[in-house]
Every structure is written in structure tokens, then in C-alpha cells.
């Protein structure tokens, strides 16, 4: 018998904690997917941190917010950065990476 983490059990059981988590992730997507927020915050995180936020957004069914987030994060990246360069396409990156 494999033990599932408590959070997974709550989500599967439909308990309030699962709904609270979903609402929290929806709110997170609204914040990080909002162009003004992403533009203001994106340049201040590393590429690894930006990817972590994008990963959470994609896995909570908010790929559009992840694209907006990475678009604005990448605006401050340089050619040597993960998301840097004129060729960077956030939508393609999200589709291929997450």
C-alpha cells in the first residue's frame, strides 16, 4: 500500500482544503499572469525562479498565465540567460518545457 501525501488525499476527497488550494492557485495565476504584475516582478527573479512559478501555473491549468509571466520575465533577460534573446517564444517554451 502506497501512502499518498495528505494534500493529495484531501483533493481527491473533495475536502475544503482542496478547494482552498484551487482558489489559491487561481489567485496566484491572476497575480502572476497579469501583465502589470509580471512586468513589475518578472525582472527581479532568476530564470530558475521564473520557471518554478511557470511550472506551478501550468500544473494548475493556467498555461496562459505562465506564458504572460515568462514573456515579462524574459524582457529583462540577456542573450546568455535561459529566456534571453530575440528568439525566445514564451508560448512555445511553456508547451515544450512543462
PDB file of N, CA and C in Angstrom:
ATOM      1  N   UNK A   1       0.844  -1.174   0.000  1.00  0.00           N
ATOM      2  CA  UNK A   1       0.000   0.000   0.000  1.00  0.00           C
ATOM      3  C   UNK A   1       0.890   1.237   0.000  1.00  0.00           C
ATOM      4  N   UNK A   2       0.687   2.119  -0.955  1.00  0.00           N
ATOM      5  CA  UNK A   2       1.483   3.337  -1.013  1.00  0.00           C
ATOM      6  C   UNK A   2       0.711   4.473  -0.355  1.00  0.00           C
ATOM      7  N   UNK A   3       1.392   5.210   0.464  1.00  0.00           N
ATOM      8  CA  UNK A   3       0.765   6.328   1.162  1.00  0.00           C
ATOM      9  C   UNK A   3       0.806   7.570   0.273  1.00  0.00           C
ATOM     10  N   UNK A   4      -0.344   8.174   0.078  1.00  0.00           N
ATOM     11  CA  UNK A   4      -0.410   9.411  -0.694  1.00  0.00           C
ATOM     12  C   UNK A   4      -0.227  10.572   0.273  1.00  0.00           C
ATOM     13  N   UNK A   5       0.414  11.637  -0.199  1.00  0.00           N
ATOM     14  CA  UNK A   5       0.542  12.814   0.667  1.00  0.00           C
ATOM     15  C   UNK A   5      -0.841  13.304   1.103  1.00  0.00           C
ATOM     16  N   UNK A   6      -0.883  13.915   2.260  1.00  0.00           N
ATOM     17  CA  UNK A   6      -2.154  14.379   2.824  1.00  0.00           C
ATOM     18  C   UNK A   6      -2.894  15.313   1.878  1.00  0.00           C
ATOM     19  N   UNK A   7      -2.176  16.207   1.218  1.00  0.00           N
ATOM     20  CA  UNK A   7      -2.817  17.155   0.318  1.00  0.00           C
ATOM     21  C   UNK A   7      -3.501  16.433  -0.841  1.00  0.00           C
ATOM     22  N   UNK A   8      -2.853  15.435  -1.404  1.00  0.00           N
ATOM     23  CA  UNK A   8      -3.446  14.658  -2.494  1.00  0.00           C
ATOM     24  C   UNK A   8      -4.708  13.959  -2.011  1.00  0.00           C
ATOM     25  N   UNK A   9      -4.655  13.383  -0.828  1.00  0.00           N
ATOM     26  CA  UNK A   9      -5.838  12.710  -0.285  1.00  0.00           C
ATOM     27  C   UNK A   9      -6.993  13.697  -0.103  1.00  0.00           C
ATOM     28  N   UNK A  10      -6.683  14.908   0.375  1.00  0.00           N
ATOM     29  CA  UNK A  10      -7.732  15.906   0.582  1.00  0.00           C
ATOM     30  C   UNK A  10      -8.361  16.336  -0.738  1.00  0.00           C
ATOM     31  N   UNK A  11      -7.512  16.539  -1.743  1.00  0.00           N
ATOM     32  CA  UNK A  11      -8.024  16.955  -3.051  1.00  0.00           C
ATOM     33  C   UNK A  11      -8.910  15.869  -3.637  1.00  0.00           C
ATOM     34  N   UNK A  12      -8.443  14.637  -3.557  1.00  0.00           N
ATOM     35  CA  UNK A  12      -9.228  13.529  -4.094  1.00  0.00           C
ATOM     36  C   UNK A  12     -10.537  13.353  -3.345  1.00  0.00           C
ATOM     37  N   UNK A  13     -10.529  13.645  -2.074  1.00  0.00           N
ATOM     38  CA  UNK A  13     -11.733  13.502  -1.263  1.00  0.00           C
ATOM     39  C   UNK A  13     -12.665  14.696  -1.398  1.00  0.00           C
ATOM     40  N   UNK A  14     -12.191  15.774  -2.041  1.00  0.00           N
ATOM     41  CA  UNK A  14     -13.021  16.952  -2.249  1.00  0.00           C
ATOM     42  C   UNK A  14     -13.209  17.790  -0.999  1.00  0.00           C
ATOM     43  N   UNK A  15     -12.313  17.676  -0.061  1.00  0.00           N
ATOM     44  CA  UNK A  15     -12.424  18.438   1.179  1.00  0.00           C
ATOM     45  C   UNK A  15     -12.167  19.915   0.914  1.00  0.00           C
ATOM     46  N   UNK A  16     -12.528  20.729   1.876  1.00  0.00           N
ATOM     47  CA  UNK A  16     -12.370  22.172   1.752  1.00  0.00           C
ATOM     48  C   UNK A  16     -10.935  22.570   1.454  1.00  0.00           C
ATOM     49  N   UNK A  17      -9.985  21.839   1.998  1.00  0.00           N
ATOM     50  CA  UNK A  17      -8.584  22.170   1.767  1.00  0.00           C
ATOM     51  C   UNK A  17      -8.243  22.105   0.280  1.00  0.00           C
ATOM     52  N   UNK A  18      -8.811  21.142  -0.424  1.00  0.00           N
ATOM     53  CA  UNK A  18      -8.584  21.035  -1.861  1.00  0.00           C
ATOM     54  C   UNK A  18      -9.167  22.216  -2.607  1.00  0.00           C
ATOM     55  N   UNK A  19     -10.365  22.616  -2.223  1.00  0.00           N
ATOM     56  CA  UNK A  19     -10.990  23.787  -2.855  1.00  0.00           C
ATOM     57  C   UNK A  19     -10.207  25.057  -2.518  1.00  0.00           C
ATOM     58  N   UNK A  20      -9.735  25.131  -1.276  1.00  0.00           N
ATOM     59  CA  UNK A  20      -8.931  26.295  -0.878  1.00  0.00           C
ATOM     60  C   UNK A  20      -7.650  26.364  -1.701  1.00  0.00           C
ATOM     61  N   UNK A  21      -7.030  25.218  -1.918  1.00  0.00           N
ATOM     62  CA  UNK A  21      -5.814  25.194  -2.731  1.00  0.00           C
ATOM     63  C   UNK A  21      -6.116  25.641  -4.152  1.00  0.00           C
ATOM     64  N   UNK A  22      -7.189  25.144  -4.726  1.00  0.00           N
ATOM     65  CA  UNK A  22      -7.545  25.529  -6.093  1.00  0.00           C
ATOM     66  C   UNK A  22      -7.817  27.033  -6.185  1.00  0.00           C
ATOM     67  N   UNK A  23      -8.524  27.589  -5.223  1.00  0.00           N
ATOM     68  CA  UNK A  23      -8.785  29.025  -5.221  1.00  0.00           C
ATOM     69  C   UNK A  23      -7.486  29.808  -5.080  1.00  0.00           C
ATOM     70  N   UNK A  24      -6.592  29.311  -4.250  1.00  0.00           N
ATOM     71  CA  UNK A  24      -5.298  29.978  -4.066  1.00  0.00           C
ATOM     72  C   UNK A  24      -4.491  29.969  -5.357  1.00  0.00           C
ATOM     73  N   UNK A  25      -4.497  28.842  -6.059  1.00  0.00           N
ATOM     74  CA  UNK A  25      -3.767  28.742  -7.327  1.00  0.00           C
ATOM     75  C   UNK A  25      -4.402  29.634  -8.389  1.00  0.00           C
ATOM     76  N   UNK A  26      -5.718  29.735  -8.381  1.00  0.00           N
ATOM     77  CA  UNK A  26      -6.396  30.645  -9.309  1.00  0.00           C
ATOM     78  C   UNK A  26      -5.986  32.090  -9.037  1.00  0.00           C
ATOM     79  N   UNK A  27      -5.904  32.444  -7.759  1.00  0.00           N
ATOM     80  CA  UNK A  27      -5.485  33.794  -7.393  1.00  0.00           C
ATOM     81  C   UNK A  27      -4.036  34.035  -7.795  1.00  0.00           C
ATOM     82  N   UNK A  28      -3.182  33.048  -7.554  1.00  0.00           N
ATOM     83  CA  UNK A  28      -1.775  33.147  -7.955  1.00  0.00           C
ATOM     84  C   UNK A  28      -1.666  33.393  -9.458  1.00  0.00           C
ATOM     85  N   UNK A  29      -2.485  32.686 -10.233  1.00  0.00           N
ATOM     86  CA  UNK A  29      -2.475  32.855 -11.692  1.00  0.00           C
ATOM     87  C   UNK A  29      -2.925  34.261 -12.078  1.00  0.00           C
ATOM     88  N   UNK A  30      -3.917  34.788 -11.376  1.00  0.00           N
ATOM     89  CA  UNK A  30      -4.361  36.153 -11.680  1.00  0.00           C
ATOM     90  C   UNK A  30      -3.258  37.162 -11.391  1.00  0.00           C
ATOM     91  N   UNK A  31      -2.523  36.955 -10.317  1.00  0.00           N
ATOM     92  CA  UNK A  31      -1.458  37.887  -9.959  1.00  0.00           C
ATOM     93  C   UNK A  31      -0.285  37.784 -10.927  1.00  0.00           C
ATOM     94  N   UNK A  32       0.268  36.584 -11.113  1.00  0.00           N
ATOM     95  CA  UNK A  32       1.460  36.434 -11.946  1.00  0.00           C
ATOM     96  C   UNK A  32       1.151  36.503 -13.436  1.00  0.00           C
ATOM     97  N   UNK A  33      -0.091  36.249 -13.819  1.00  0.00           N
ATOM     98  CA  UNK A  33      -0.467  36.329 -15.224  1.00  0.00           C
ATOM     99  C   UNK A  33      -0.882  37.718 -15.664  1.00  0.00           C
ATOM    100  N   UNK A  34      -1.083  38.609 -14.720  1.00  0.00           N
ATOM    101  CA  UNK A  34      -1.459  39.986 -15.034  1.00  0.00           C
ATOM    102  C   UNK A  34      -0.229  40.696 -15.589  1.00  0.00           C
ATOM    103  N   UNK A  35      -0.313  41.251 -16.785  1.00  0.00           N
ATOM    104  CA  UNK A  35       0.862  41.874 -17.393  1.00  0.00           C
ATOM    105  C   UNK A  35       1.549  42.916 -16.508  1.00  0.00           C
ATOM    106  N   UNK A  36       0.788  43.750 -15.828  1.00  0.00           N
ATOM    107  CA  UNK A  36       1.412  44.789 -14.996  1.00  0.00           C
ATOM    108  C   UNK A  36       2.220  44.166 -13.856  1.00  0.00           C
ATOM    109  N   UNK A  37       1.668  43.133 -13.229  1.00  0.00           N
ATOM    110  CA  UNK A  37       2.389  42.454 -12.137  1.00  0.00           C
ATOM    111  C   UNK A  37       3.612  41.730 -12.672  1.00  0.00           C
ATOM    112  N   UNK A  38       3.431  41.010 -13.761  1.00  0.00           N
ATOM    113  CA  UNK A  38       4.543  40.250 -14.337  1.00  0.00           C
ATOM    114  C   UNK A  38       5.665  41.179 -14.789  1.00  0.00           C
ATOM    115  N   UNK A  39       5.296  42.312 -15.344  1.00  0.00           N
ATOM    116  CA  UNK A  39       6.304  43.277 -15.796  1.00  0.00           C
ATOM    117  C   UNK A  39       7.076  43.858 -14.607  1.00  0.00           C
ATOM    118  N   UNK A  40       6.365  44.088 -13.510  1.00  0.00           N
ATOM    119  CA  UNK A  40       6.982  44.671 -12.325  1.00  0.00           C
ATOM    120  C   UNK A  40       7.841  43.650 -11.565  1.00  0.00           C
ATOM    121  N   UNK A  41       7.380  42.395 -11.478  1.00  0.00           N
ATOM    122  CA  UNK A  41       8.065  41.377 -10.682  1.00  0.00           C
ATOM    123  C   UNK A  41       9.041  40.511 -11.478  1.00  0.00           C
ATOM    124  N   UNK A  42       8.707  40.220 -12.707  1.00  0.00           N
ATOM    125  CA  UNK A  42       9.483  39.288 -13.528  1.00  0.00           C
ATOM    126  C   UNK A  42      10.972  39.555 -13.615  1.00  0.00           C
ATOM    127  N   UNK A  43      11.376  40.788 -13.797  1.00  0.00           N
ATOM    128  CA  UNK A  43      12.810  41.076 -13.914  1.00  0.00           C
ATOM    129  C   UNK A  43      13.597  40.857 -12.618  1.00  0.00           C
ATOM    130  N   UNK A  44      12.907  40.704 -11.510  1.00  0.00           N
ATOM    131  CA  UNK A  44      13.587  40.599 -10.217  1.00  0.00           C
ATOM    132  C   UNK A  44      13.782  39.163  -9.740  1.00  0.00           C
ATOM    133  N   UNK A  45      13.447  38.194 -10.571  1.00  0.00           N
ATOM    134  CA  UNK A  45      13.651  36.794 -10.202  1.00  0.00           C
ATOM    135  C   UNK A  45      14.604  36.138 -11.194  1.00  0.00           C
ATOM    136  N   UNK A  46      15.260  35.090 -10.747  1.00  0.00           N
ATOM    137  CA  UNK A  46      16.154  34.351 -11.630  1.00  0.00           C
ATOM    138  C   UNK A  46      15.333  33.526 -12.616  1.00  0.00           C
ATOM    139  N   UNK A  47      16.001  32.993 -13.615  1.00  0.00           N
ATOM    140  CA  UNK A  47      15.316  32.134 -14.585  1.00  0.00           C
ATOM    141  C   UNK A  47      14.762  30.881 -13.901  1.00  0.00           C
ATOM    142  N   UNK A  48      15.517  30.332 -12.971  1.00  0.00           N
ATOM    143  CA  UNK A  48      15.049  29.145 -12.250  1.00  0.00           C
ATOM    144  C   UNK A  48      13.794  29.470 -11.437  1.00  0.00           C
ATOM    145  N   UNK A  49      13.775  30.620 -10.806  1.00  0.00           N
ATOM    146  CA  UNK A  49      12.606  31.036 -10.037  1.00  0.00           C
ATOM    147  C   UNK A  49      11.417  31.304 -10.958  1.00  0.00           C
ATOM    148  N   UNK A  50      11.670  31.924 -12.089  1.00  0.00           N
ATOM    149  CA  UNK A  50      10.599  32.187 -13.057  1.00  0.00           C
ATOM    150  C   UNK A  50      10.020  30.875 -13.573  1.00  0.00           C
ATOM    151  N   UNK A  51      10.880  29.902 -13.834  1.00  0.00           N
ATOM    152  CA  UNK A  51      10.411  28.595 -14.281  1.00  0.00           C
ATOM    153  C   UNK A  51       9.587  27.903 -13.208  1.00  0.00           C
ATOM    154  N   UNK A  52       9.971  28.045 -11.958  1.00  0.00           N
ATOM    155  CA  UNK A  52       9.230  27.434 -10.854  1.00  0.00           C
ATOM    156  C   UNK A  52       7.812  27.998 -10.802  1.00  0.00           C
ATOM    157  N   UNK A  53       7.696  29.304 -10.917  1.00  0.00           N
ATOM    158  CA  UNK A  53       6.374  29.933 -10.919  1.00  0.00           C
ATOM    159  C   UNK A  53       5.583  29.478 -12.139  1.00  0.00           C
ATOM    160  N   UNK A  54       6.220  29.436 -13.294  1.00  0.00           N
ATOM    161  CA  UNK A  54       5.541  28.980 -14.512  1.00  0.00           C
ATOM    162  C   UNK A  54       5.086  27.532 -14.379  1.00  0.00           C
ATOM    163  N   UNK A  55       5.903  26.703 -13.766  1.00  0.00           N
ATOM    164  CA  UNK A  55       5.566  25.289 -13.578  1.00  0.00           C
ATOM    165  C   UNK A  55       4.311  25.153 -12.724  1.00  0.00           C
ATOM    166  N   UNK A  56       4.229  25.921 -11.645  1.00  0.00           N
ATOM    167  CA  UNK A  56       3.042  25.893 -10.788  1.00  0.00           C
ATOM    168  C   UNK A  56       1.824  26.364 -11.575  1.00  0.00           C
ATOM    169  N   UNK A  57       1.979  27.410 -12.351  1.00  0.00           N
ATOM    170  CA  UNK A  57       0.859  27.924 -13.137  1.00  0.00           C
ATOM    171  C   UNK A  57       0.373  26.908 -14.160  1.00  0.00           C
ATOM    172  N   UNK A  58       1.292  26.295 -14.878  1.00  0.00           N
ATOM    173  CA  UNK A  58       0.909  25.302 -15.889  1.00  0.00           C
ATOM    174  C   UNK A  58       0.216  24.110 -15.236  1.00  0.00           C
ATOM    175  N   UNK A  59       0.774  23.636 -14.135  1.00  0.00           N
ATOM    176  CA  UNK A  59       0.212  22.457 -13.487  1.00  0.00           C
ATOM    177  C   UNK A  59      -1.080  22.730 -12.744  1.00  0.00           C
ATOM    178  N   UNK A  60      -1.446  23.991 -12.605  1.00  0.00           N
ATOM    179  CA  UNK A  60      -2.744  24.326 -12.025  1.00  0.00           C
ATOM    180  C   UNK A  60      -3.711  24.800 -13.116  1.00  0.00           C
ATOM    181  N   UNK A  61      -3.396  24.414 -14.357  1.00  0.00           N
ATOM    182  CA  UNK A  61      -4.240  24.687 -15.523  1.00  0.00           C
ATOM    183  C   UNK A  61      -4.315  26.173 -15.885  1.00  0.00           C
ATOM    184  N   UNK A  62      -3.186  26.862 -15.749  1.00  0.00           N
ATOM    185  CA  UNK A  62      -3.121  28.281 -16.092  1.00  0.00           C
ATOM    186  C   UNK A  62      -1.932  28.545 -17.020  1.00  0.00           C
ATOM    187  N   UNK A  63      -1.886  27.810 -18.112  1.00  0.00           N
ATOM    188  CA  UNK A  63      -0.770  27.963 -19.060  1.00  0.00           C
ATOM    189  C   UNK A  63      -0.715  29.370 -19.633  1.00  0.00           C
ATOM    190  N   UNK A  64      -1.882  29.994 -19.832  1.00  0.00           N
ATOM    191  CA  UNK A  64      -1.891  31.360 -20.368  1.00  0.00           C
ATOM    192  C   UNK A  64      -1.211  32.331 -19.404  1.00  0.00           C
ATOM    193  N   UNK A  65      -1.406  32.145 -18.112  1.00  0.00           N
ATOM    194  CA  UNK A  65      -0.739  32.990 -17.121  1.00  0.00           C
ATOM    195  C   UNK A  65       0.764  32.722 -17.114  1.00  0.00           C
ATOM    196  N   UNK A  66       1.149  31.463 -17.301  1.00  0.00           N
ATOM    197  CA  UNK A  66       2.575  31.116 -17.354  1.00  0.00           C
ATOM    198  C   UNK A  66       3.245  31.790 -18.543  1.00  0.00           C
ATOM    199  N   UNK A  67       2.562  31.838 -19.665  1.00  0.00           N
ATOM    200  CA  UNK A  67       3.106  32.486 -20.858  1.00  0.00           C
ATOM    201  C   UNK A  67       3.274  33.990 -20.600  1.00  0.00           C
ATOM    202  N   UNK A  68       2.253  34.608 -20.034  1.00  0.00           N
ATOM    203  CA  UNK A  68       2.338  36.044 -19.741  1.00  0.00           C
ATOM    204  C   UNK A  68       3.475  36.315 -18.758  1.00  0.00           C
ATOM    205  N   UNK A  69       3.580  35.477 -17.738  1.00  0.00           N
ATOM    206  CA  UNK A  69       4.637  35.629 -16.739  1.00  0.00           C
ATOM    207  C   UNK A  69       6.020  35.544 -17.387  1.00  0.00           C
ATOM    208  N   UNK A  70       6.243  34.508 -18.183  1.00  0.00           N
ATOM    209  CA  UNK A  70       7.556  34.328 -18.805  1.00  0.00           C
ATOM    210  C   UNK A  70       7.843  35.381 -19.862  1.00  0.00           C
ATOM    211  N   UNK A  71       6.817  35.852 -20.544  1.00  0.00           N
ATOM    212  CA  UNK A  71       7.015  36.946 -21.514  1.00  0.00           C
ATOM    213  C   UNK A  71       7.626  38.161 -20.819  1.00  0.00           C
ATOM    214  N   UNK A  72       7.069  38.505 -19.686  1.00  0.00           N
ATOM    215  CA  UNK A  72       7.548  39.704 -18.988  1.00  0.00           C
ATOM    216  C   UNK A  72       8.841  39.458 -18.239  1.00  0.00           C
ATOM    217  N   UNK A  73       9.029  38.255 -17.723  1.00  0.00           N
ATOM    218  CA  UNK A  73      10.310  37.926 -17.086  1.00  0.00           C
ATOM    219  C   UNK A  73      11.429  38.008 -18.124  1.00  0.00           C
ATOM    220  N   UNK A  74      11.185  37.457 -19.295  1.00  0.00           N
ATOM    221  CA  UNK A  74      12.227  37.360 -20.322  1.00  0.00           C
ATOM    222  C   UNK A  74      12.645  38.721 -20.878  1.00  0.00           C
ATOM    223  N   UNK A  75      11.809  39.719 -20.698  1.00  0.00           N
ATOM    224  CA  UNK A  75      12.129  41.052 -21.226  1.00  0.00           C
ATOM    225  C   UNK A  75      13.424  41.602 -20.633  1.00  0.00           C
ATOM    226  N   UNK A  76      13.771  41.153 -19.429  1.00  0.00           N
ATOM    227  CA  UNK A  76      14.999  41.646 -18.791  1.00  0.00           C
ATOM    228  C   UNK A  76      16.169  40.676 -18.956  1.00  0.00           C
ATOM    229  N   UNK A  77      15.913  39.501 -19.539  1.00  0.00           N
ATOM    230  CA  UNK A  77      16.987  38.525 -19.733  1.00  0.00           C
ATOM    231  C   UNK A  77      17.895  38.944 -20.882  1.00  0.00           C
ATOM    232  N   UNK A  78      19.127  38.524 -20.779  1.00  0.00           N
ATOM    233  CA  UNK A  78      20.087  38.787 -21.842  1.00  0.00           C
ATOM    234  C   UNK A  78      20.313  37.514 -22.638  1.00  0.00           C
ATOM    235  N   UNK A  79      21.097  37.613 -23.677  1.00  0.00           N
ATOM    236  CA  UNK A  79      21.331  36.502 -24.604  1.00  0.00           C
ATOM    237  C   UNK A  79      21.782  35.217 -23.896  1.00  0.00           C
ATOM    238  N   UNK A  80      22.553  35.327 -22.835  1.00  0.00           N
ATOM    239  CA  UNK A  80      23.058  34.139 -22.153  1.00  0.00           C
ATOM    240  C   UNK A  80      22.098  33.518 -21.157  1.00  0.00           C
ATOM    241  N   UNK A  81      20.984  34.168 -20.883  1.00  0.00           N
ATOM    242  CA  UNK A  81      20.008  33.651 -19.924  1.00  0.00           C
ATOM    243  C   UNK A  81      19.101  32.609 -20.569  1.00  0.00           C
ATOM    244  N   UNK A  82      18.454  31.821 -19.738  1.00  0.00           N
ATOM    245  CA  UNK A  82      17.559  30.758 -20.226  1.00  0.00           C
ATOM    246  C   UNK A  82      16.478  31.318 -21.144  1.00  0.00           C
ATOM    247  N   UNK A  83      15.902  32.432 -20.765  1.00  0.00           N
ATOM    248  CA  UNK A  83      14.786  33.005 -21.528  1.00  0.00           C
ATOM    249  C   UNK A  83      15.217  34.197 -22.372  1.00  0.00           C
ATOM    250  N   UNK A  84      16.514  34.385 -22.524  1.00  0.00           N
ATOM    251  CA  UNK A  84      17.017  35.568 -23.204  1.00  0.00           C
ATOM    252  C   UNK A  84      17.075  35.442 -24.709  1.00  0.00           C
ATOM    253  N   UNK A  85      17.189  36.564 -25.328  1.00  0.00           N
ATOM    254  CA  UNK A  85      17.357  36.611 -26.774  1.00  0.00           C
ATOM    255  C   UNK A  85      16.068  36.894 -27.510  1.00  0.00           C
ATOM    256  N   UNK A  86      16.222  37.412 -28.687  1.00  0.00           N
ATOM    257  CA  UNK A  86      15.069  37.783 -29.513  1.00  0.00           C
ATOM    258  C   UNK A  86      14.266  36.570 -29.972  1.00  0.00           C
ATOM    259  N   UNK A  87      14.890  35.411 -29.985  1.00  0.00           N
ATOM    260  CA  UNK A  87      14.222  34.197 -30.459  1.00  0.00           C
ATOM    261  C   UNK A  87      13.299  33.560 -29.416  1.00  0.00           C
ATOM    262  N   UNK A  88      13.363  34.018 -28.150  1.00  0.00           N
ATOM    263  CA  UNK A  88      12.568  33.384 -27.097  1.00  0.00           C
ATOM    264  C   UNK A  88      11.085  33.572 -27.352  1.00  0.00           C
ATOM    265  N   UNK A  89      10.355  32.464 -27.309  1.00  0.00           N
ATOM    266  CA  UNK A  89       8.912  32.461 -27.504  1.00  0.00           C
ATOM    267  C   UNK A  89       8.304  31.770 -26.278  1.00  0.00           C
ATOM    268  N   UNK A  90       7.674  32.540 -25.416  1.00  0.00           N
ATOM    269  CA  UNK A  90       7.158  32.002 -24.156  1.00  0.00           C
ATOM    270  C   UNK A  90       6.119  30.911 -24.373  1.00  0.00           C
ATOM    271  N   UNK A  91       5.227  31.078 -25.333  1.00  0.00           N
ATOM    272  CA  UNK A  91       4.181  30.076 -25.578  1.00  0.00           C
ATOM    273  C   UNK A  91       4.804  28.747 -26.008  1.00  0.00           C
ATOM    274  N   UNK A  92       5.776  28.799 -26.894  1.00  0.00           N
ATOM    275  CA  UNK A  92       6.449  27.579 -27.334  1.00  0.00           C
ATOM    276  C   UNK A  92       7.237  26.952 -26.173  1.00  0.00           C
ATOM    277  N   UNK A  93       7.909  27.797 -25.394  1.00  0.00           N
ATOM    278  CA  UNK A  93       8.701  27.326 -24.258  1.00  0.00           C
ATOM    279  C   UNK A  93       7.817  26.600 -23.246  1.00  0.00           C
ATOM    280  N   UNK A  94       6.663  27.173 -22.936  1.00  0.00           N
ATOM    281  CA  UNK A  94       5.739  26.551 -21.996  1.00  0.00           C
ATOM    282  C   UNK A  94       5.229  25.222 -22.550  1.00  0.00           C
ATOM    283  N   UNK A  95       4.849  25.206 -23.817  1.00  0.00           N
ATOM    284  CA  UNK A  95       4.330  23.981 -24.429  1.00  0.00           C
ATOM    285  C   UNK A  95       5.376  22.863 -24.463  1.00  0.00           C
ATOM    286  N   UNK A  96       6.625  23.218 -24.661  1.00  0.00           N
ATOM    287  CA  UNK A  96       7.680  22.211 -24.790  1.00  0.00           C
ATOM    288  C   UNK A  96       8.341  21.846 -23.470  1.00  0.00           C
ATOM    289  N   UNK A  97       8.308  22.739 -22.484  1.00  0.00           N
ATOM    290  CA  UNK A  97       9.069  22.535 -21.255  1.00  0.00           C
ATOM    291  C   UNK A  97       8.257  22.004 -20.081  1.00  0.00           C
ATOM    292  N   UNK A  98       6.983  22.262 -20.093  1.00  0.00           N
ATOM    293  CA  UNK A  98       6.188  21.872 -18.921  1.00  0.00           C
ATOM    294  C   UNK A  98       5.179  20.864 -19.350  1.00  0.00           C
TER     295      UNK A  98
END
